[in-house]
Amino acid sequence: MDPLVGLIRRFVVDFMNGHNAAACSEIMDGDYRLRVGDQLICGRDSHYRPAVQAQLDQFPGMGLSVHHLVTSGDQIAMHFTEHGASGGCGGPVAAWQGIALYRWNGAQLTSCAAEEDYFARRRQLKSGV
């Protein structure tokens, strides 16, 4: 398996779907940067992990499904869907798509530029559909 694909697999399986915050330190560089829309989140431990934890708190059983991966060897693009019930089991459910473009340093992820369809998520949570 390509090393970058293996790292993204760990990101999805261990960190996002496994909700294992400790895996984040192994997968991402300490200066990790995430740009989502017009927001820039800098610093794995100081800002990124708390932001992800807030989303996991809102969607306690949240999962991430990967639809496509494309890599050049030093960058990787991922098309995905996140899905979960707001407030946990029995809460309103939503599934929203996104794309993410990751860079790495040969060992850890260093940055990501992502777009997620938060409008669809809000609409689904409000309408119940």
C-alpha atoms as a PDB file:
ATOM      1  CA  MET A   1       0.000   0.000   0.000  1.00  0.00           C
ATOM      2  CA  ASP A   2       1.194   3.509  -0.778  1.00  0.00           C
ATOM      3  CA  PRO A   3       2.483   5.075   2.500  1.00  0.00           C
ATOM      4  CA  LEU A   4       0.311   8.191   2.170  1.00  0.00           C
ATOM      5  CA  VAL A   5      -2.776   6.086   1.464  1.00  0.00           C
ATOM      6  CA  GLY A   6      -1.925   4.030   4.556  1.00  0.00           C
ATOM      7  CA  LEU A   7      -1.658   7.197   6.638  1.00  0.00           C
ATOM      8  CA  ILE A   8      -5.046   8.449   5.396  1.00  0.00           C
ATOM      9  CA  ARG A   9      -6.487   5.027   6.172  1.00  0.00           C
ATOM     10  CA  ARG A  10      -5.264   5.389   9.768  1.00  0.00           C
ATOM     11  CA  PHE A  11      -6.716   8.911   9.888  1.00  0.00           C
ATOM     12  CA  VAL A  12     -10.137   7.597   8.824  1.00  0.00           C
ATOM     13  CA  VAL A  13     -10.219   4.282  10.720  1.00  0.00           C
ATOM     14  CA  ASP A  14      -8.315   5.078  13.916  1.00  0.00           C
ATOM     15  CA  PHE A  15      -8.941   8.781  14.444  1.00  0.00           C
ATOM     16  CA  MET A  16     -12.218   9.776  12.794  1.00  0.00           C
ATOM     17  CA  ASN A  17     -14.218   6.530  12.942  1.00  0.00           C
ATOM     18  CA  GLY A  18     -12.439   5.161  16.006  1.00  0.00           C
ATOM     19  CA  HIS A  19     -12.780   8.499  17.838  1.00  0.00           C
ATOM     20  CA  ASN A  20      -9.257   7.871  19.149  1.00  0.00           C
ATOM     21  CA  ALA A  21      -7.739  11.272  19.943  1.00  0.00           C
ATOM     22  CA  ALA A  22      -4.357   9.684  20.757  1.00  0.00           C
ATOM     23  CA  ALA A  23      -4.013   8.513  17.138  1.00  0.00           C
ATOM     24  CA  CYS A  24      -4.108  12.149  16.030  1.00  0.00           C
ATOM     25  CA  SER A  25      -0.651  12.793  17.533  1.00  0.00           C
ATOM     26  CA  GLU A  26       0.833   9.939  15.510  1.00  0.00           C
ATOM     27  CA  ILE A  27      -0.915  10.841  12.253  1.00  0.00           C
ATOM     28  CA  MET A  28      -0.570  14.650  12.215  1.00  0.00           C
ATOM     29  CA  ASP A  29       2.300  17.051  12.635  1.00  0.00           C
ATOM     30  CA  GLY A  30       2.083  19.367  15.676  1.00  0.00           C
ATOM     31  CA  ASP A  31       1.786  22.402  13.368  1.00  0.00           C
ATOM     32  CA  TYR A  32      -1.078  20.812  11.392  1.00  0.00           C
ATOM     33  CA  ARG A  33      -3.236  23.370   9.561  1.00  0.00           C
ATOM     34  CA  LEU A  34      -6.800  22.912   8.363  1.00  0.00           C
ATOM     35  CA  ARG A  35      -8.598  25.343   6.097  1.00  0.00           C
ATOM     36  CA  VAL A  36     -12.370  24.790   5.808  1.00  0.00           C
ATOM     37  CA  GLY A  37     -14.069  27.485   3.783  1.00  0.00           C
ATOM     38  CA  ASP A  38     -12.856  30.799   5.183  1.00  0.00           C
ATOM     39  CA  GLN A  39     -11.709  29.312   8.521  1.00  0.00           C
ATOM     40  CA  LEU A  40      -8.070  28.475   9.231  1.00  0.00           C
ATOM     41  CA  ILE A  41      -7.382  26.181  12.173  1.00  0.00           C
ATOM     42  CA  CYS A  42      -3.691  26.101  13.128  1.00  0.00           C
ATOM     43  CA  GLY A  43      -2.088  23.740  15.610  1.00  0.00           C
ATOM     44  CA  ARG A  44      -2.992  20.083  16.051  1.00  0.00           C
ATOM     45  CA  ASP A  45      -3.340  20.081  19.836  1.00  0.00           C
ATOM     46  CA  SER A  46      -4.306  23.687  20.537  1.00  0.00           C
ATOM     47  CA  HIS A  47      -7.042  24.142  17.922  1.00  0.00           C
ATOM     48  CA  TYR A  48      -7.606  21.179  15.578  1.00  0.00           C
ATOM     49  CA  ARG A  49      -8.293  18.467  18.147  1.00  0.00           C
ATOM     50  CA  PRO A  50     -10.706  20.655  20.167  1.00  0.00           C
ATOM     51  CA  ALA A  51     -12.600  21.539  16.956  1.00  0.00           C
ATOM     52  CA  VAL A  52     -12.925  17.873  15.966  1.00  0.00           C
ATOM     53  CA  GLN A  53     -13.886  16.949  19.527  1.00  0.00           C
ATOM     54  CA  ALA A  54     -16.701  19.539  19.450  1.00  0.00           C
ATOM     55  CA  GLN A  55     -18.062  17.889  16.288  1.00  0.00           C
ATOM     56  CA  LEU A  56     -17.737  14.405  17.843  1.00  0.00           C
ATOM     57  CA  ASP A  57     -19.535  15.678  20.947  1.00  0.00           C
ATOM     58  CA  GLN A  58     -22.397  16.926  18.754  1.00  0.00           C
ATOM     59  CA  PHE A  59     -22.420  13.657  16.750  1.00  0.00           C
ATOM     60  CA  PRO A  60     -21.210  11.011  19.256  1.00  0.00           C
ATOM     61  CA  GLY A  61     -21.457   8.078  16.822  1.00  0.00           C
ATOM     62  CA  MET A  62     -20.270  10.028  13.787  1.00  0.00           C
ATOM     63  CA  GLY A  63     -18.678   8.077  10.982  1.00  0.00           C
ATOM     64  CA  LEU A  64     -16.728   8.989   7.879  1.00  0.00           C
ATOM     65  CA  SER A  65     -17.106   7.010   4.641  1.00  0.00           C
ATOM     66  CA  VAL A  66     -14.508   7.458   1.898  1.00  0.00           C
ATOM     67  CA  HIS A  67     -15.774   7.323  -1.680  1.00  0.00           C
ATOM     68  CA  HIS A  68     -12.653   8.209  -3.695  1.00  0.00           C
ATOM     69  CA  LEU A  69      -8.933   8.756  -3.107  1.00  0.00           C
ATOM     70  CA  VAL A  70      -6.503  10.238  -5.617  1.00  0.00           C
ATOM     71  CA  THR A  71      -2.830  10.639  -4.798  1.00  0.00           C
ATOM     72  CA  SER A  72       0.277  12.014  -6.456  1.00  0.00           C
ATOM     73  CA  GLY A  73       2.526  10.473  -3.796  1.00  0.00           C
ATOM     74  CA  ASP A  74       3.074  13.726  -1.907  1.00  0.00           C
ATOM     75  CA  GLN A  75      -0.558  14.901  -1.808  1.00  0.00           C
ATOM     76  CA  ILE A  76      -3.874  13.086  -1.571  1.00  0.00           C
ATOM     77  CA  ALA A  77      -7.460  14.091  -2.327  1.00  0.00           C
ATOM     78  CA  MET A  78     -10.399  12.421  -0.608  1.00  0.00           C
ATOM     79  CA  HIS A  79     -14.120  12.563  -1.436  1.00  0.00           C
ATOM     80  CA  PHE A  80     -16.112  11.503   1.622  1.00  0.00           C
ATOM     81  CA  THR A  81     -19.400  11.569   3.507  1.00  0.00           C
ATOM     82  CA  GLU A  82     -19.679  12.207   7.231  1.00  0.00           C
ATOM     83  CA  HIS A  83     -22.807  10.930   8.937  1.00  0.00           C
ATOM     84  CA  GLY A  84     -24.306  10.728  12.380  1.00  0.00           C
ATOM     85  CA  ALA A  85     -27.099  11.558  14.784  1.00  0.00           C
ATOM     86  CA  SER A  86     -26.919  14.943  16.476  1.00  0.00           C
ATOM     87  CA  GLY A  87     -27.046  14.365  20.207  1.00  0.00           C
ATOM     88  CA  GLY A  88     -26.507  10.628  19.782  1.00  0.00           C
ATOM     89  CA  CYS A  89     -28.850   7.695  19.264  1.00  0.00           C
ATOM     90  CA  GLY A  90     -32.390   8.881  18.615  1.00  0.00           C
ATOM     91  CA  GLY A  91     -31.332  12.408  17.650  1.00  0.00           C
ATOM     92  CA  PRO A  92     -31.867  13.927  14.212  1.00  0.00           C
ATOM     93  CA  VAL A  93     -29.587  12.367  11.615  1.00  0.00           C
ATOM     94  CA  ALA A  94     -27.592  13.895   8.789  1.00  0.00           C
ATOM     95  CA  ALA A  95     -25.121  12.869   6.106  1.00  0.00           C
ATOM     96  CA  TRP A  96     -23.011  15.515   4.408  1.00  0.00           C
ATOM     97  CA  GLN A  97     -20.367  15.234   1.718  1.00  0.00           C
ATOM     98  CA  GLY A  98     -17.002  16.860   1.467  1.00  0.00           C
ATOM     99  CA  ILE A  99     -13.660  16.898  -0.250  1.00  0.00           C
ATOM    100  CA  ALA A 100     -10.275  17.237   1.399  1.00  0.00           C
ATOM    101  CA  LEU A 101      -6.813  17.846  -0.046  1.00  0.00           C
ATOM    102  CA  TYR A 102      -4.002  16.718   2.280  1.00  0.00           C
ATOM    103  CA  ARG A 103      -0.249  17.338   2.297  1.00  0.00           C
ATOM    104  CA  TRP A 104       2.313  15.413   4.302  1.00  0.00           C
ATOM    105  CA  ASN A 105       6.005  15.500   5.195  1.00  0.00           C
ATOM    106  CA  GLY A 106       6.700  11.837   4.432  1.00  0.00           C
ATOM    107  CA  ALA A 107       5.652  10.702   7.909  1.00  0.00           C
ATOM    108  CA  GLN A 108       2.695  12.802   9.100  1.00  0.00           C
ATOM    109  CA  LEU A 109      -0.073  14.935   7.632  1.00  0.00           C
ATOM    110  CA  THR A 110       0.894  18.620   7.670  1.00  0.00           C
ATOM    111  CA  SER A 111      -2.135  20.391   6.211  1.00  0.00           C
ATOM    112  CA  CYS A 112      -5.584  20.005   4.726  1.00  0.00           C
ATOM    113  CA  ALA A 113      -7.870  22.199   2.652  1.00  0.00           C
ATOM    114  CA  ALA A 114     -11.459  20.962   2.852  1.00  0.00           C
ATOM    115  CA  GLU A 115     -14.973  21.854   1.832  1.00  0.00           C
ATOM    116  CA  GLU A 116     -17.947  20.220   3.548  1.00  0.00           C
ATOM    117  CA  ASP A 117     -21.631  20.676   2.763  1.00  0.00           C
ATOM    118  CA  TYR A 118     -22.668  22.114   6.125  1.00  0.00           C
ATOM    119  CA  PHE A 119     -25.749  23.652   4.486  1.00  0.00           C
ATOM    120  CA  ALA A 120     -27.063  20.151   3.707  1.00  0.00           C
ATOM    121  CA  ARG A 121     -26.251  19.068   7.265  1.00  0.00           C
ATOM    122  CA  ARG A 122     -28.210  21.981   8.780  1.00  0.00           C
ATOM    123  CA  ARG A 123     -31.129  21.386   6.412  1.00  0.00           C
ATOM    124  CA  GLN A 124     -31.310  17.678   7.265  1.00  0.00           C
ATOM    125  CA  LEU A 125     -31.095  18.279  11.014  1.00  0.00           C
ATOM    126  CA  LYS A 126     -33.848  20.910  10.841  1.00  0.00           C
ATOM    127  CA  SER A 127     -36.201  19.054   8.481  1.00  0.00           C
ATOM    128  CA  GLY A 128     -35.604  15.522   9.716  1.00  0.00           C
ATOM    129  CA  VAL A 129     -35.199  14.416   6.084  1.00  0.00           C
END
